[in-house]
């Protein structure tokens, strides 16, 4: 019943595949991550063998065309890279298995098993995720949908497990229905963290910050405990105006003995935004203030770099869960390379790893104290402070 990747619907041949492959290779060779990880580490022969292997056969269908191209990206520890399709496939990949039997089987899976029933924007789409005959491969199949561009039996994503509950995710965007590669998908708390498919969509989420919460907040929780929410370090002109205005309003108000700094769901940005907050916290800690930094898997990029740097100060405790692991490199100019076949493009990275952050790529930054996902995080930190 459980079908492998060979069960994908076969489309037309891809005559432009070799041209796409060569051009993607040419783009990859210009990347800072390639120069640092392949050339500097003397892995060019190994990478060339991968390229030669990918040239040995034409892909049988449009999905395989994308999947084979993506193998040139997988070896690079560079999660800011993003390979994606430009337009949706005409004959979308699907399976022919009995969906009713599949759903019944998956309902028996345990909550902490990555296999099972998932929901996206519940109840808009329901999906069954199961392992194939290749134990490191999983397929997510639509069981029911309210989206008019999807139908039951179609494949929403394919996971390749490279470490326990860590995956390369070849996923289709819900609205555009174009496949992209996410190098660092994870299964945590019943959720696929990058694509936000959830086993328990109605459960209270204490780990993540809701989208309705203001990006920046400052408040006093108790006479000796204050709270500072830093939800973004976006560095475009409009974001910087908002960031500077908030900073100027509250920079002199951090006076309590303990400060909770909330970096949950901070998707990063740049030091044009984050540097002033870093200096504020470093000075505060140097003068005896105790800093409690909360992070989660959605703490990403420059927010992770911020976490590494603030941890070097005295009187700083990191709490929550391991950060995302998309911390090195970056895209300063927002440039993409479109391959000759006009079906796939690479969002490139053009920033070197100035801070030697690549050791955290894929892995993330581990907190000093793990917080319980089933309880309010701010409340847990307040309790920890009171005990001290």
Protein backbone atom coordinates (compact mmCIF):
# COMPACT_ATOMS: atom_id res chain seq x y z
CA UNK A 1 0.00 0.00 0.00
CA UNK A 2 2.79 2.43 0.82
CA UNK A 3 4.19 3.64 -2.46
CA UNK A 4 7.67 4.95 -3.16
CA UNK A 5 8.77 7.89 -5.25
CA UNK A 6 8.33 5.77 -8.36
CA UNK A 7 4.59 6.16 -7.88
CA UNK A 8 4.69 9.77 -9.12
CA UNK A 9 2.67 10.40 -12.25
CA UNK A 10 4.94 10.38 -15.33
CA UNK A 11 5.04 13.57 -17.39
CA UNK A 12 6.78 14.45 -20.63
CA UNK A 13 10.54 14.24 -21.04
CA UNK A 14 12.67 17.25 -20.00
CA UNK A 15 14.96 18.08 -22.98
CA UNK A 16 16.30 21.17 -21.24
CA UNK A 17 17.46 19.21 -18.16
CA UNK A 18 21.21 19.09 -18.98
CA UNK A 19 21.22 22.79 -19.83
CA UNK A 20 19.48 23.58 -16.56
CA UNK A 21 21.93 21.38 -14.67
CA UNK A 22 25.01 23.01 -16.20
CA UNK A 23 23.70 26.50 -15.59
CA UNK A 24 22.74 25.70 -12.01
CA UNK A 25 26.26 24.35 -11.45
CA UNK A 26 27.71 27.58 -12.86
CA UNK A 27 25.58 29.61 -10.43
CA UNK A 28 26.48 27.40 -7.47
CA UNK A 29 30.22 27.82 -8.10
CA UNK A 30 29.87 31.57 -7.51
CA UNK A 31 28.28 31.14 -4.07
CA UNK A 32 30.21 32.03 -0.90
CA UNK A 33 29.05 28.74 0.63
CA UNK A 34 30.45 26.74 -2.32
CA UNK A 35 33.79 28.52 -2.11
CA UNK A 36 34.01 27.98 1.65
CA UNK A 37 32.64 24.44 1.91
CA UNK A 38 33.57 22.79 -1.38
CA UNK A 39 36.68 24.57 -2.67
CA UNK A 40 38.30 25.48 0.64
CA UNK A 41 37.55 22.07 2.16
CA UNK A 42 38.90 20.36 -0.99
CA UNK A 43 35.65 18.59 -1.87
CA UNK A 44 35.56 19.60 -5.54
CA UNK A 45 36.22 16.04 -6.76
CA UNK A 46 33.34 14.72 -4.65
CA UNK A 47 31.04 17.45 -5.92
CA UNK A 48 32.09 16.80 -9.52
CA UNK A 49 31.19 13.12 -9.09
CA UNK A 50 27.73 14.21 -7.93
CA UNK A 51 27.36 16.39 -11.02
CA UNK A 52 28.49 13.57 -13.31
CA UNK A 53 26.02 11.19 -11.66
CA UNK A 54 23.15 13.65 -12.16
CA UNK A 55 24.03 13.80 -15.87
CA UNK A 56 23.65 10.05 -16.38
CA UNK A 57 19.94 10.07 -17.20
CA UNK A 58 17.06 12.31 -18.16
CA UNK A 59 14.39 12.82 -15.50
CA UNK A 60 11.20 10.89 -16.23
CA UNK A 61 8.83 13.68 -15.18
CA UNK A 62 8.68 17.31 -14.11
CA UNK A 63 9.03 16.51 -10.41
CA UNK A 64 12.16 14.43 -11.03
CA UNK A 65 13.53 17.31 -13.12
CA UNK A 66 13.26 19.58 -10.08
CA UNK A 67 14.35 16.89 -7.60
CA UNK A 68 17.54 16.05 -9.51
CA UNK A 69 18.50 19.69 -9.87
CA UNK A 70 18.00 20.17 -6.14
CA UNK A 71 20.67 17.57 -5.38
CA UNK A 72 23.30 20.19 -6.30
CA UNK A 73 21.98 22.37 -3.45
CA UNK A 74 21.63 19.73 -0.75
CA UNK A 75 25.40 19.33 0.02
CA UNK A 76 25.76 23.05 0.80
CA UNK A 77 25.11 24.08 4.38
CA UNK A 78 23.37 27.24 3.26
CA UNK A 79 19.71 27.41 4.21
CA UNK A 80 19.25 30.90 2.81
CA UNK A 81 19.53 29.31 -0.65
CA UNK A 82 16.15 28.52 -2.18
CA UNK A 83 15.59 26.50 -5.32
CA UNK A 84 12.02 26.62 -6.63
CA UNK A 85 9.83 26.14 -9.66
CA UNK A 86 8.53 29.22 -11.45
CA UNK A 87 5.28 27.74 -12.75
CA UNK A 88 3.13 24.83 -11.64
CA UNK A 89 3.42 21.42 -13.30
CA UNK A 90 0.65 20.59 -15.78
CA UNK A 91 0.40 16.95 -14.69
CA UNK A 92 0.86 17.23 -10.97
CA UNK A 93 2.42 14.23 -9.14
CA UNK A 94 -0.04 11.94 -7.40
CA UNK A 95 -0.42 8.43 -6.00
CA UNK A 96 -2.95 5.73 -6.79
CA UNK A 97 -3.15 4.16 -3.32
CA UNK A 98 -6.48 3.62 -1.52
CA UNK A 99 -6.78 6.87 0.47
CA UNK A 100 -9.41 5.54 2.88
CA UNK A 101 -7.16 2.65 3.90
CA UNK A 102 -4.18 4.99 4.12
CA UNK A 103 -6.03 7.38 6.44
CA UNK A 104 -7.21 4.53 8.67
CA UNK A 105 -3.66 3.21 8.97
CA UNK A 106 -2.18 6.63 9.75
CA UNK A 107 -4.75 7.37 12.47
CA UNK A 108 -3.06 4.62 14.50
CA UNK A 109 0.27 6.48 14.58
CA UNK A 110 1.47 7.94 17.87
CA UNK A 111 1.50 11.73 18.41
CA UNK A 112 5.31 11.82 18.51
CA UNK A 113 5.64 9.81 15.26
CA UNK A 114 6.26 11.94 12.18
CA UNK A 115 3.88 9.68 10.26
CA UNK A 116 0.22 10.55 10.67
CA UNK A 117 -2.62 12.89 9.71
CA UNK A 118 -1.80 16.61 9.24
CA UNK A 119 -3.81 19.75 8.59
CA UNK A 120 -3.09 23.04 6.82
CA UNK A 121 -5.29 26.00 7.74
CA UNK A 122 -7.63 23.48 9.29
CA UNK A 123 -10.00 22.33 7.94
CA UNK A 124 -8.92 23.63 4.52
CA UNK A 125 -6.64 20.69 3.76
CA UNK A 126 -6.00 17.28 5.34
CA UNK A 127 -2.94 15.21 4.49
CA UNK A 128 -1.54 11.77 5.20
CA UNK A 129 2.22 11.46 5.74
CA UNK A 130 3.80 8.01 5.48
CA UNK A 131 7.16 6.34 5.00
CA UNK A 132 7.88 4.66 1.70
CA UNK A 133 9.78 1.42 1.14
CA UNK A 134 12.91 3.58 1.50
CA UNK A 135 12.82 4.31 5.23
CA UNK A 136 14.44 7.72 4.88
CA UNK A 137 11.72 8.86 2.45
CA UNK A 138 8.23 10.05 3.34
CA UNK A 139 5.39 11.24 1.13
CA UNK A 140 2.64 13.69 2.10
CA UNK A 141 -0.57 12.94 0.19
CA UNK A 142 -3.71 15.09 0.16
CA UNK A 143 -6.64 13.25 1.75
CA UNK A 144 -9.20 16.06 1.53
CA UNK A 145 -9.09 19.68 0.44
CA UNK A 146 -11.14 22.85 0.14
CA UNK A 147 -8.54 24.49 -2.11
CA UNK A 148 -9.87 24.48 -5.70
CA UNK A 149 -6.40 23.96 -7.19
CA UNK A 150 -5.79 20.72 -5.26
CA UNK A 151 -7.41 17.30 -5.30
CA UNK A 152 -7.22 14.18 -3.15
CA UNK A 153 -4.34 11.87 -3.99
CA UNK A 154 -1.93 14.61 -5.07
CA UNK A 155 1.47 14.86 -3.40
CA UNK A 156 1.97 17.99 -1.31
CA UNK A 157 5.58 17.22 -0.39
CA UNK A 158 8.30 14.59 -0.22
CA UNK A 159 10.61 14.38 2.81
CA UNK A 160 14.12 12.92 2.89
CA UNK A 161 15.24 12.30 6.48
CA UNK A 162 18.93 13.11 7.08
CA UNK A 163 18.78 12.98 10.91
CA UNK A 164 16.04 11.92 13.34
CA UNK A 165 13.06 14.24 12.69
CA UNK A 166 15.19 16.45 10.40
CA UNK A 167 14.38 16.49 6.68
CA UNK A 168 15.02 17.93 3.25
CA UNK A 169 11.53 18.93 2.15
CA UNK A 170 10.58 19.02 -1.53
CA UNK A 171 7.26 20.77 -1.06
CA UNK A 172 4.57 22.40 -3.17
CA UNK A 173 3.43 25.89 -2.21
CA UNK A 174 -0.28 25.74 -1.39
CA UNK A 175 -1.44 28.62 -3.59
CA UNK A 176 1.06 28.54 -6.47
CA UNK A 177 1.44 24.74 -6.46
CA UNK A 178 5.12 25.07 -7.38
CA UNK A 179 7.76 22.87 -5.77
CA UNK A 180 10.60 24.27 -3.69
CA UNK A 181 13.41 22.84 -1.58
CA UNK A 182 13.61 23.48 2.16
CA UNK A 183 16.85 22.04 3.51
CA UNK A 184 15.98 22.15 7.21
CA UNK A 185 12.40 20.97 7.75
CA UNK A 186 11.84 19.53 11.23
CA UNK A 187 9.14 17.65 13.09
CA UNK A 188 8.55 19.28 16.49
CA UNK A 189 5.50 19.42 18.77
CA UNK A 190 3.38 17.64 16.19
CA UNK A 191 4.23 20.23 13.53
CA UNK A 192 6.41 20.39 10.42
CA UNK A 193 8.14 23.60 11.40
CA UNK A 194 8.92 25.19 8.03
CA UNK A 195 5.71 24.43 6.12
CA UNK A 196 3.42 24.63 9.19
CA UNK A 197 1.50 21.39 8.62
CA UNK A 198 0.04 20.46 12.03
CA UNK A 199 -1.17 17.24 13.58
CA UNK A 200 -3.12 19.11 16.25
CA UNK A 201 -4.31 22.39 14.72
CA UNK A 202 -6.65 23.25 17.60
CA UNK A 203 -4.06 22.80 20.37
CA UNK A 204 -2.95 25.93 22.23
CA UNK A 205 0.44 27.02 20.91
CA UNK A 206 2.71 28.31 23.67
CA UNK A 207 5.87 28.01 21.59
CA UNK A 208 5.13 30.51 18.83
CA UNK A 209 4.07 34.15 18.88
CA UNK A 210 0.80 34.91 17.11
CA UNK A 211 0.81 37.11 14.03
CA UNK A 212 -1.51 39.56 15.79
CA UNK A 213 1.14 40.34 18.44
CA UNK A 214 2.97 43.66 17.84
CA UNK A 215 6.50 43.33 16.46
CA UNK A 216 7.95 45.38 19.32
CA UNK A 217 6.74 45.50 22.92
CA UNK A 218 8.06 46.71 26.24
CA UNK A 219 6.27 46.29 29.56
CA UNK A 220 6.82 45.76 33.26
CA UNK A 221 5.57 42.38 34.49
CA UNK A 222 6.61 42.73 38.14
CA UNK A 223 8.61 45.42 39.98
CA UNK A 224 11.83 43.49 39.32
CA UNK A 225 10.94 41.92 35.94
CA UNK A 226 10.51 43.68 32.61
CA UNK A 227 9.70 42.24 29.18
CA UNK A 228 11.12 43.28 25.80
CA UNK A 229 9.68 41.81 22.61
CA UNK A 230 11.94 42.01 19.54
CA UNK A 231 9.94 40.37 16.76
CA UNK A 232 11.99 41.42 13.74
CA UNK A 233 15.30 42.88 12.67
CA UNK A 234 14.08 43.78 9.19
CA UNK A 235 16.34 46.44 7.71
CA UNK A 236 14.36 47.99 4.86
CA UNK A 237 13.74 51.71 5.15
CA UNK A 238 10.20 51.51 6.54
CA UNK A 239 11.11 48.80 9.06
CA UNK A 240 14.11 50.79 10.28
CA UNK A 241 11.95 53.85 10.95
CA UNK A 242 9.62 51.75 13.13
CA UNK A 243 12.53 50.00 14.87
CA UNK A 244 14.37 53.25 15.68
CA UNK A 245 11.19 54.92 16.91
CA UNK A 246 10.48 52.05 19.31
CA UNK A 247 14.07 51.97 20.52
CA UNK A 248 14.16 55.70 21.21
CA UNK A 249 10.89 55.46 23.15
CA UNK A 250 12.03 52.72 25.54
CA UNK A 251 15.84 52.72 25.62
CA UNK A 252 15.93 54.55 28.99
CA UNK A 253 13.13 52.46 30.54
CA UNK A 254 15.07 49.22 31.06
CA UNK A 255 15.68 49.59 34.78
CA UNK A 256 14.46 46.41 36.50
CA UNK A 257 16.87 43.82 37.85
CA UNK A 258 15.64 41.18 35.39
CA UNK A 259 14.79 41.54 31.70
CA UNK A 260 13.04 38.93 29.54
CA UNK A 261 13.98 39.39 25.88
CA UNK A 262 11.57 37.60 23.54
CA UNK A 263 13.15 36.61 20.20
CA UNK A 264 10.52 34.02 19.30
CA UNK A 265 9.48 34.07 15.64
CA UNK A 266 12.04 36.74 14.84
CA UNK A 267 12.80 36.00 11.19
CA UNK A 268 15.98 38.06 11.20
CA UNK A 269 17.02 41.00 9.05
CA UNK A 270 20.29 42.86 9.55
CA UNK A 271 22.55 44.64 12.00
CA UNK A 272 21.23 48.02 10.85
CA UNK A 273 18.24 47.14 12.99
CA UNK A 274 19.61 44.78 15.63
CA UNK A 275 22.89 46.52 16.56
CA UNK A 276 21.28 49.17 18.78
CA UNK A 277 19.38 46.52 20.74
CA UNK A 278 22.57 44.49 21.11
CA UNK A 279 24.43 47.48 22.57
CA UNK A 280 21.55 48.20 24.95
CA UNK A 281 21.49 44.64 26.28
CA UNK A 282 25.27 44.37 26.55
CA UNK A 283 25.43 47.55 28.61
CA UNK A 284 22.49 46.43 30.74
CA UNK A 285 24.15 43.05 31.48
CA UNK A 286 27.55 44.66 32.10
CA UNK A 287 25.92 46.83 34.78
CA UNK A 288 24.53 43.82 36.63
CA UNK A 289 21.16 43.34 34.95
CA UNK A 290 20.11 39.73 34.34
CA UNK A 291 18.95 38.95 30.80
CA UNK A 292 16.70 36.00 29.96
CA UNK A 293 16.50 35.47 26.19
CA UNK A 294 13.66 33.34 24.84
CA UNK A 295 14.17 31.64 21.46
CA UNK A 296 12.29 29.04 19.44
CA UNK A 297 12.65 27.24 16.12
CA UNK A 298 11.29 30.33 14.36
CA UNK A 299 14.22 32.41 15.65
CA UNK A 300 16.07 32.69 12.36
CA UNK A 301 19.04 34.26 10.55
CA UNK A 302 20.20 37.58 12.03
CA UNK A 303 18.13 36.81 15.14
CA UNK A 304 20.26 33.68 15.58
CA UNK A 305 23.43 35.69 15.06
CA UNK A 306 22.11 38.12 17.66
CA UNK A 307 21.59 35.18 20.03
CA UNK A 308 25.16 33.92 19.58
CA UNK A 309 26.59 37.37 20.27
CA UNK A 310 24.48 38.25 23.30
CA UNK A 311 25.30 34.86 24.85
CA UNK A 312 28.92 36.00 25.14
CA UNK A 313 27.89 38.58 27.75
CA UNK A 314 27.76 37.78 31.44
CA UNK A 315 24.37 37.49 33.18
CA UNK A 316 22.63 36.10 30.08
CA UNK A 317 20.53 32.92 30.11
CA UNK A 318 19.07 31.41 26.94
CA UNK A 319 15.70 29.66 27.29
CA UNK A 320 13.17 27.93 25.05
CA UNK A 321 14.09 25.48 22.31
CA UNK A 322 16.82 25.11 19.71
CA UNK A 323 16.79 27.86 17.09
CA UNK A 324 16.15 27.31 13.39
CA UNK A 325 19.63 26.70 12.00
CA UNK A 326 19.42 29.16 9.11
CA UNK A 327 22.12 31.49 10.33
CA UNK A 328 25.10 31.61 7.95
CA UNK A 329 25.42 33.51 4.64
CA UNK A 330 22.43 35.51 3.39
CA UNK A 331 21.14 37.50 0.43
CA UNK A 332 22.01 41.18 0.44
CA UNK A 333 20.59 42.09 -2.98
CA UNK A 334 17.57 39.80 -3.38
CA UNK A 335 18.92 38.31 -6.62
CA UNK A 336 17.67 35.11 -8.30
CA UNK A 337 19.09 33.14 -11.23
CA UNK A 338 16.53 31.68 -13.65
CA UNK A 339 17.65 28.52 -15.42
CA UNK A 340 17.46 28.23 -19.26
CA UNK A 341 14.35 26.02 -19.20
CA UNK A 342 12.45 28.91 -17.57
CA UNK A 343 10.88 26.51 -15.08
CA UNK A 344 13.29 26.68 -12.13
CA UNK A 345 15.16 29.49 -10.39
CA UNK A 346 17.72 29.78 -7.61
CA UNK A 347 17.44 32.49 -4.98
CA UNK A 348 21.14 32.97 -4.41
CA UNK A 349 23.21 33.96 -1.39
CA UNK A 350 25.85 36.63 -1.85
CA UNK A 351 27.01 37.29 1.73
CA UNK A 352 30.04 35.43 3.17
CA UNK A 353 29.82 33.82 6.60
CA UNK A 354 31.62 36.65 8.38
CA UNK A 355 30.90 35.35 11.88
CA UNK A 356 31.80 31.66 11.33
CA UNK A 357 28.17 30.79 11.98
CA UNK A 358 28.13 27.79 9.63
CA UNK A 359 28.76 25.49 12.61
CA UNK A 360 25.15 26.24 13.62
CA UNK A 361 23.68 25.74 10.13
CA UNK A 362 21.05 22.95 10.11
CA UNK A 363 21.67 22.52 13.86
CA UNK A 364 20.66 25.77 15.50
CA UNK A 365 21.62 27.20 18.90
CA UNK A 366 20.75 25.11 21.94
CA UNK A 367 19.25 26.94 24.94
CA UNK A 368 20.63 26.73 28.47
CA UNK A 369 17.14 25.86 29.71
CA UNK A 370 14.47 24.06 27.69
CA UNK A 371 10.93 25.33 28.31
CA UNK A 372 7.87 23.08 28.30
CA UNK A 373 5.89 23.42 25.06
CA UNK A 374 2.59 22.75 26.84
CA UNK A 375 2.87 25.70 29.26
CA UNK A 376 3.03 29.47 28.86
CA UNK A 377 6.64 30.41 28.16
CA UNK A 378 6.71 33.85 29.74
CA UNK A 379 5.12 32.38 32.85
CA UNK A 380 7.78 29.67 32.99
CA UNK A 381 10.59 32.24 32.74
CA UNK A 382 9.01 34.42 35.45
CA UNK A 383 8.87 31.35 37.70
CA UNK A 384 12.55 30.62 37.03
CA UNK A 385 13.51 34.19 37.89
CA UNK A 386 11.53 34.06 41.13
CA UNK A 387 13.34 30.89 42.20
CA UNK A 388 16.66 32.67 41.77
